[in-house]
């Protein structure tokens, strides 16, 4: 028998013998994800582009 394989087998058996049990359970309360998204900048850019287009289309009014 190869000694390296024997030591690997014994090491893995020792590791498995000392490993604990893992319990996975769902939380009792729902998971809440808070997303603080700032959409103000996007709206300002869109409004500025829209205003610029309106001014360009109606140059005789302004």
PDB file of N, CA and C in Angstrom:
ATOM      1  N   UNK A   1       0.855  -1.189   0.000  1.00  0.00           N
ATOM      2  CA  UNK A   1       0.000   0.000   0.000  1.00  0.00           C
ATOM      3  C   UNK A   1       0.884   1.230   0.000  1.00  0.00           C
ATOM      4  N   UNK A   2       0.452   2.216  -0.745  1.00  0.00           N
ATOM      5  CA  UNK A   2       1.176   3.479  -0.835  1.00  0.00           C
ATOM      6  C   UNK A   2       0.936   4.275   0.444  1.00  0.00           C
ATOM      7  N   UNK A   3       2.005   4.717   1.101  1.00  0.00           N
ATOM      8  CA  UNK A   3       1.891   5.429   2.383  1.00  0.00           C
ATOM      9  C   UNK A   3       1.228   6.794   2.221  1.00  0.00           C
ATOM     10  N   UNK A   4       1.474   7.443   1.104  1.00  0.00           N
ATOM     11  CA  UNK A   4       0.836   8.746   0.885  1.00  0.00           C
ATOM     12  C   UNK A   4      -0.680   8.618   0.812  1.00  0.00           C
ATOM     13  N   UNK A   5      -1.152   7.582   0.146  1.00  0.00           N
ATOM     14  CA  UNK A   5      -2.592   7.364   0.069  1.00  0.00           C
ATOM     15  C   UNK A   5      -3.174   7.020   1.434  1.00  0.00           C
ATOM     16  N   UNK A   6      -2.437   6.244   2.207  1.00  0.00           N
ATOM     17  CA  UNK A   6      -2.895   5.880   3.538  1.00  0.00           C
ATOM     18  C   UNK A   6      -3.020   7.111   4.423  1.00  0.00           C
ATOM     19  N   UNK A   7      -2.004   7.982   4.390  1.00  0.00           N
ATOM     20  CA  UNK A   7      -2.054   9.200   5.200  1.00  0.00           C
ATOM     21  C   UNK A   7      -3.178  10.122   4.727  1.00  0.00           C
ATOM     22  N   UNK A   8      -3.397  10.207   3.426  1.00  0.00           N
ATOM     23  CA  UNK A   8      -4.480  11.025   2.901  1.00  0.00           C
ATOM     24  C   UNK A   8      -5.837  10.473   3.351  1.00  0.00           C
ATOM     25  N   UNK A   9      -5.975   9.147   3.327  1.00  0.00           N
ATOM     26  CA  UNK A   9      -7.212   8.517   3.767  1.00  0.00           C
ATOM     27  C   UNK A   9      -7.448   8.762   5.255  1.00  0.00           C
ATOM     28  N   UNK A  10      -6.405   8.582   6.059  1.00  0.00           N
ATOM     29  CA  UNK A  10      -6.532   8.805   7.497  1.00  0.00           C
ATOM     30  C   UNK A  10      -6.823  10.284   7.806  1.00  0.00           C
ATOM     31  N   UNK A  11      -6.195  11.186   7.069  1.00  0.00           N
ATOM     32  CA  UNK A  11      -6.431  12.606   7.272  1.00  0.00           C
ATOM     33  C   UNK A  11      -7.853  12.994   6.929  1.00  0.00           C
ATOM     34  N   UNK A  12      -8.358  12.477   5.827  1.00  0.00           N
ATOM     35  CA  UNK A  12      -9.732  12.801   5.447  1.00  0.00           C
ATOM     36  C   UNK A  12     -10.739  12.187   6.411  1.00  0.00           C
ATOM     37  N   UNK A  13     -10.464  11.019   6.937  1.00  0.00           N
ATOM     38  CA  UNK A  13     -11.349  10.400   7.922  1.00  0.00           C
ATOM     39  C   UNK A  13     -11.358  11.215   9.213  1.00  0.00           C
ATOM     40  N   UNK A  14     -10.184  11.705   9.626  1.00  0.00           N
ATOM     41  CA  UNK A  14     -10.113  12.520  10.836  1.00  0.00           C
ATOM     42  C   UNK A  14     -10.859  13.834  10.638  1.00  0.00           C
ATOM     43  N   UNK A  15     -10.720  14.421   9.448  1.00  0.00           N
ATOM     44  CA  UNK A  15     -11.415  15.675   9.156  1.00  0.00           C
ATOM     45  C   UNK A  15     -12.929  15.476   9.173  1.00  0.00           C
ATOM     46  N   UNK A  16     -13.387  14.412   8.540  1.00  0.00           N
ATOM     47  CA  UNK A  16     -14.826  14.153   8.498  1.00  0.00           C
ATOM     48  C   UNK A  16     -15.366  13.812   9.881  1.00  0.00           C
ATOM     49  N   UNK A  17     -14.555  13.195  10.706  1.00  0.00           N
ATOM     50  CA  UNK A  17     -14.983  12.843  12.054  1.00  0.00           C
ATOM     51  C   UNK A  17     -15.116  14.049  12.964  1.00  0.00           C
ATOM     52  N   UNK A  18     -14.370  15.117  12.684  1.00  0.00           N
ATOM     53  CA  UNK A  18     -14.416  16.296  13.550  1.00  0.00           C
ATOM     54  C   UNK A  18     -15.297  17.403  12.995  1.00  0.00           C
ATOM     55  N   UNK A  19     -15.801  17.245  11.772  1.00  0.00           N
ATOM     56  CA  UNK A  19     -16.627  18.315  11.207  1.00  0.00           C
ATOM     57  C   UNK A  19     -18.004  18.310  11.863  1.00  0.00           C
ATOM     58  N   UNK A  20     -18.569  19.513  12.036  1.00  0.00           N
ATOM     59  CA  UNK A  20     -19.861  19.644  12.694  1.00  0.00           C
ATOM     60  C   UNK A  20     -21.007  19.570  11.713  1.00  0.00           C
ATOM     61  N   UNK A  21     -22.180  19.619  12.238  1.00  0.00           N
ATOM     62  CA  UNK A  21     -23.393  19.588  11.427  1.00  0.00           C
ATOM     63  C   UNK A  21     -23.771  21.018  11.042  1.00  0.00           C
ATOM     64  N   UNK A  22     -24.187  21.211   9.834  1.00  0.00           N
ATOM     65  CA  UNK A  22     -24.573  22.532   9.357  1.00  0.00           C
ATOM     66  C   UNK A  22     -26.088  22.551   9.196  1.00  0.00           C
ATOM     67  N   UNK A  23     -26.722  23.483   9.886  1.00  0.00           N
ATOM     68  CA  UNK A  23     -28.178  23.635   9.771  1.00  0.00           C
ATOM     69  C   UNK A  23     -28.480  24.893   8.966  1.00  0.00           C
ATOM     70  N   UNK A  24     -29.371  24.752   8.001  1.00  0.00           N
ATOM     71  CA  UNK A  24     -29.801  25.887   7.196  1.00  0.00           C
ATOM     72  C   UNK A  24     -31.299  26.044   7.405  1.00  0.00           C
ATOM     73  N   UNK A  25     -31.698  27.227   7.867  1.00  0.00           N
ATOM     74  CA  UNK A  25     -33.116  27.474   8.112  1.00  0.00           C
ATOM     75  C   UNK A  25     -33.493  28.840   7.557  1.00  0.00           C
ATOM     76  N   UNK A  26     -34.720  28.958   7.121  1.00  0.00           N
ATOM     77  CA  UNK A  26     -35.218  30.237   6.617  1.00  0.00           C
ATOM     78  C   UNK A  26     -35.463  31.180   7.791  1.00  0.00           C
ATOM     79  N   UNK A  27     -35.225  32.475   7.618  1.00  0.00           N
ATOM     80  CA  UNK A  27     -35.482  33.416   8.704  1.00  0.00           C
ATOM     81  C   UNK A  27     -36.986  33.537   8.970  1.00  0.00           C
ATOM     82  N   UNK A  28     -37.317  33.882  10.216  1.00  0.00           N
ATOM     83  CA  UNK A  28     -38.727  34.027  10.571  1.00  0.00           C
ATOM     84  C   UNK A  28     -39.318  35.304   9.988  1.00  0.00           C
ATOM     85  N   UNK A  29     -38.517  36.361   9.888  1.00  0.00           N
ATOM     86  CA  UNK A  29     -38.986  37.619   9.321  1.00  0.00           C
ATOM     87  C   UNK A  29     -38.516  37.720   7.871  1.00  0.00           C
ATOM     88  N   UNK A  30     -39.264  38.428   7.027  1.00  0.00           N
ATOM     89  CA  UNK A  30     -38.833  38.567   5.624  1.00  0.00           C
ATOM     90  C   UNK A  30     -37.537  39.366   5.524  1.00  0.00           C
ATOM     91  N   UNK A  31     -36.777  39.061   4.511  1.00  0.00           N
ATOM     92  CA  UNK A  31     -35.527  39.771   4.262  1.00  0.00           C
ATOM     93  C   UNK A  31     -35.854  41.105   3.606  1.00  0.00           C
ATOM     94  N   UNK A  32     -35.324  42.186   4.152  1.00  0.00           N
ATOM     95  CA  UNK A  32     -35.576  43.528   3.643  1.00  0.00           C
ATOM     96  C   UNK A  32     -34.297  44.054   3.019  1.00  0.00           C
ATOM     97  N   UNK A  33     -34.376  44.464   1.779  1.00  0.00           N
ATOM     98  CA  UNK A  33     -33.231  45.047   1.086  1.00  0.00           C
ATOM     99  C   UNK A  33     -33.579  46.503   0.796  1.00  0.00           C
ATOM    100  N   UNK A  34     -32.832  47.397   1.413  1.00  0.00           N
ATOM    101  CA  UNK A  34     -33.089  48.818   1.212  1.00  0.00           C
ATOM    102  C   UNK A  34     -32.177  49.339   0.109  1.00  0.00           C
ATOM    103  N   UNK A  35     -32.795  49.878  -0.915  1.00  0.00           N
ATOM    104  CA  UNK A  35     -32.038  50.449  -2.028  1.00  0.00           C
ATOM    105  C   UNK A  35     -32.268  51.951  -2.043  1.00  0.00           C
ATOM    106  N   UNK A  36     -31.250  52.672  -1.689  1.00  0.00           N
ATOM    107  CA  UNK A  36     -31.325  54.123  -1.734  1.00  0.00           C
ATOM    108  C   UNK A  36     -30.769  54.578  -3.080  1.00  0.00           C
ATOM    109  N   UNK A  37     -31.657  54.669  -4.056  1.00  0.00           N
ATOM    110  CA  UNK A  37     -31.253  54.999  -5.416  1.00  0.00           C
ATOM    111  C   UNK A  37     -31.584  56.460  -5.673  1.00  0.00           C
ATOM    112  N   UNK A  38     -30.597  57.177  -6.158  1.00  0.00           N
ATOM    113  CA  UNK A  38     -30.807  58.586  -6.457  1.00  0.00           C
ATOM    114  C   UNK A  38     -31.117  58.718  -7.939  1.00  0.00           C
ATOM    115  N   UNK A  39     -32.389  58.996  -8.259  1.00  0.00           N
ATOM    116  CA  UNK A  39     -32.785  59.146  -9.661  1.00  0.00           C
ATOM    117  C   UNK A  39     -32.943  60.613 -10.034  1.00  0.00           C
ATOM    118  N   UNK A  40     -32.673  61.485  -9.098  1.00  0.00           N
ATOM    119  CA  UNK A  40     -32.833  62.920  -9.352  1.00  0.00           C
ATOM    120  C   UNK A  40     -31.905  63.399 -10.457  1.00  0.00           C
ATOM    121  N   UNK A  41     -30.667  62.961 -10.457  1.00  0.00           N
ATOM    122  CA  UNK A  41     -29.700  63.407 -11.463  1.00  0.00           C
ATOM    123  C   UNK A  41     -30.157  62.996 -12.860  1.00  0.00           C
ATOM    124  N   UNK A  42     -30.668  61.774 -12.987  1.00  0.00           N
ATOM    125  CA  UNK A  42     -31.133  61.308 -14.291  1.00  0.00           C
ATOM    126  C   UNK A  42     -32.302  62.153 -14.773  1.00  0.00           C
ATOM    127  N   UNK A  43     -33.221  62.486 -13.882  1.00  0.00           N
ATOM    128  CA  UNK A  43     -34.367  63.304 -14.275  1.00  0.00           C
ATOM    129  C   UNK A  43     -33.932  64.696 -14.703  1.00  0.00           C
ATOM    130  N   UNK A  44     -32.970  65.258 -13.997  1.00  0.00           N
ATOM    131  CA  UNK A  44     -32.491  66.590 -14.375  1.00  0.00           C
ATOM    132  C   UNK A  44     -31.868  66.583 -15.756  1.00  0.00           C
ATOM    133  N   UNK A  45     -31.091  65.562 -16.072  1.00  0.00           N
ATOM    134  CA  UNK A  45     -30.463  65.469 -17.399  1.00  0.00           C
ATOM    135  C   UNK A  45     -31.536  65.315 -18.471  1.00  0.00           C
ATOM    136  N   UNK A  46     -32.529  64.460 -18.207  1.00  0.00           N
ATOM    137  CA  UNK A  46     -33.589  64.268 -19.196  1.00  0.00           C
ATOM    138  C   UNK A  46     -34.404  65.547 -19.386  1.00  0.00           C
ATOM    139  N   UNK A  47     -34.694  66.243 -18.302  1.00  0.00           N
ATOM    140  CA  UNK A  47     -35.447  67.491 -18.427  1.00  0.00           C
ATOM    141  C   UNK A  47     -34.630  68.556 -19.145  1.00  0.00           C
ATOM    142  N   UNK A  48     -33.326  68.624 -18.887  1.00  0.00           N
ATOM    143  CA  UNK A  48     -32.473  69.600 -19.562  1.00  0.00           C
ATOM    144  C   UNK A  48     -32.415  69.310 -21.055  1.00  0.00           C
ATOM    145  N   UNK A  49     -32.302  68.038 -21.422  1.00  0.00           N
ATOM    146  CA  UNK A  49     -32.281  67.680 -22.840  1.00  0.00           C
ATOM    147  C   UNK A  49     -33.621  68.013 -23.494  1.00  0.00           C
ATOM    148  N   UNK A  50     -34.711  67.724 -22.791  1.00  0.00           N
ATOM    149  CA  UNK A  50     -36.035  68.014 -23.333  1.00  0.00           C
ATOM    150  C   UNK A  50     -36.237  69.519 -23.507  1.00  0.00           C
ATOM    151  N   UNK A  51     -35.797  70.291 -22.521  1.00  0.00           N
ATOM    152  CA  UNK A  51     -35.915  71.752 -22.626  1.00  0.00           C
ATOM    153  C   UNK A  51     -35.067  72.277 -23.769  1.00  0.00           C
ATOM    154  N   UNK A  52     -33.868  71.731 -23.925  1.00  0.00           N
ATOM    155  CA  UNK A  52     -32.998  72.166 -25.020  1.00  0.00           C
ATOM    156  C   UNK A  52     -33.627  71.851 -26.373  1.00  0.00           C
ATOM    157  N   UNK A  53     -34.217  70.673 -26.492  1.00  0.00           N
ATOM    158  CA  UNK A  53     -34.886  70.303 -27.751  1.00  0.00           C
ATOM    159  C   UNK A  53     -36.082  71.204 -28.020  1.00  0.00           C
ATOM    160  N   UNK A  54     -36.836  71.516 -26.974  1.00  0.00           N
ATOM    161  CA  UNK A  54     -37.996  72.397 -27.141  1.00  0.00           C
ATOM    162  C   UNK A  54     -37.572  73.786 -27.585  1.00  0.00           C
ATOM    163  N   UNK A  55     -36.496  74.301 -27.006  1.00  0.00           N
ATOM    164  CA  UNK A  55     -35.998  75.627 -27.398  1.00  0.00           C
ATOM    165  C   UNK A  55     -35.509  75.609 -28.830  1.00  0.00           C
ATOM    166  N   UNK A  56     -34.782  74.527 -29.203  1.00  0.00           N
ATOM    167  CA  UNK A  56     -34.288  74.433 -30.591  1.00  0.00           C
ATOM    168  C   UNK A  56     -35.445  74.339 -31.587  1.00  0.00           C
ATOM    169  N   UNK A  57     -36.493  73.599 -31.235  1.00  0.00           N
ATOM    170  CA  UNK A  57     -37.622  73.427 -32.148  1.00  0.00           C
ATOM    171  C   UNK A  57     -38.470  74.693 -32.260  1.00  0.00           C
ATOM    172  N   UNK A  58     -38.468  75.502 -31.204  1.00  0.00           N
ATOM    173  CA  UNK A  58     -39.294  76.723 -31.181  1.00  0.00           C
ATOM    174  C   UNK A  58     -38.398  77.952 -30.996  1.00  0.00           C
ATOM    175  N   UNK A  59     -37.422  78.087 -31.834  1.00  0.00           N
ATOM    176  CA  UNK A  59     -36.456  79.185 -31.696  1.00  0.00           C
ATOM    177  C   UNK A  59     -37.120  80.537 -31.886  1.00  0.00           C
ATOM    178  N   UNK A  60     -38.182  80.595 -32.679  1.00  0.00           N
ATOM    179  CA  UNK A  60     -38.834  81.885 -32.935  1.00  0.00           C
ATOM    180  C   UNK A  60     -39.599  82.415 -31.714  1.00  0.00           C
ATOM    181  N   UNK A  61     -39.979  81.535 -30.800  1.00  0.00           N
ATOM    182  CA  UNK A  61     -40.692  81.970 -29.592  1.00  0.00           C
ATOM    183  C   UNK A  61     -39.716  82.550 -28.557  1.00  0.00           C
ATOM    184  N   UNK A  62     -38.547  81.945 -28.473  1.00  0.00           N
ATOM    185  CA  UNK A  62     -37.599  82.364 -27.441  1.00  0.00           C
ATOM    186  C   UNK A  62     -36.689  83.406 -27.983  1.00  0.00           C
TER     187      UNK A  62
END
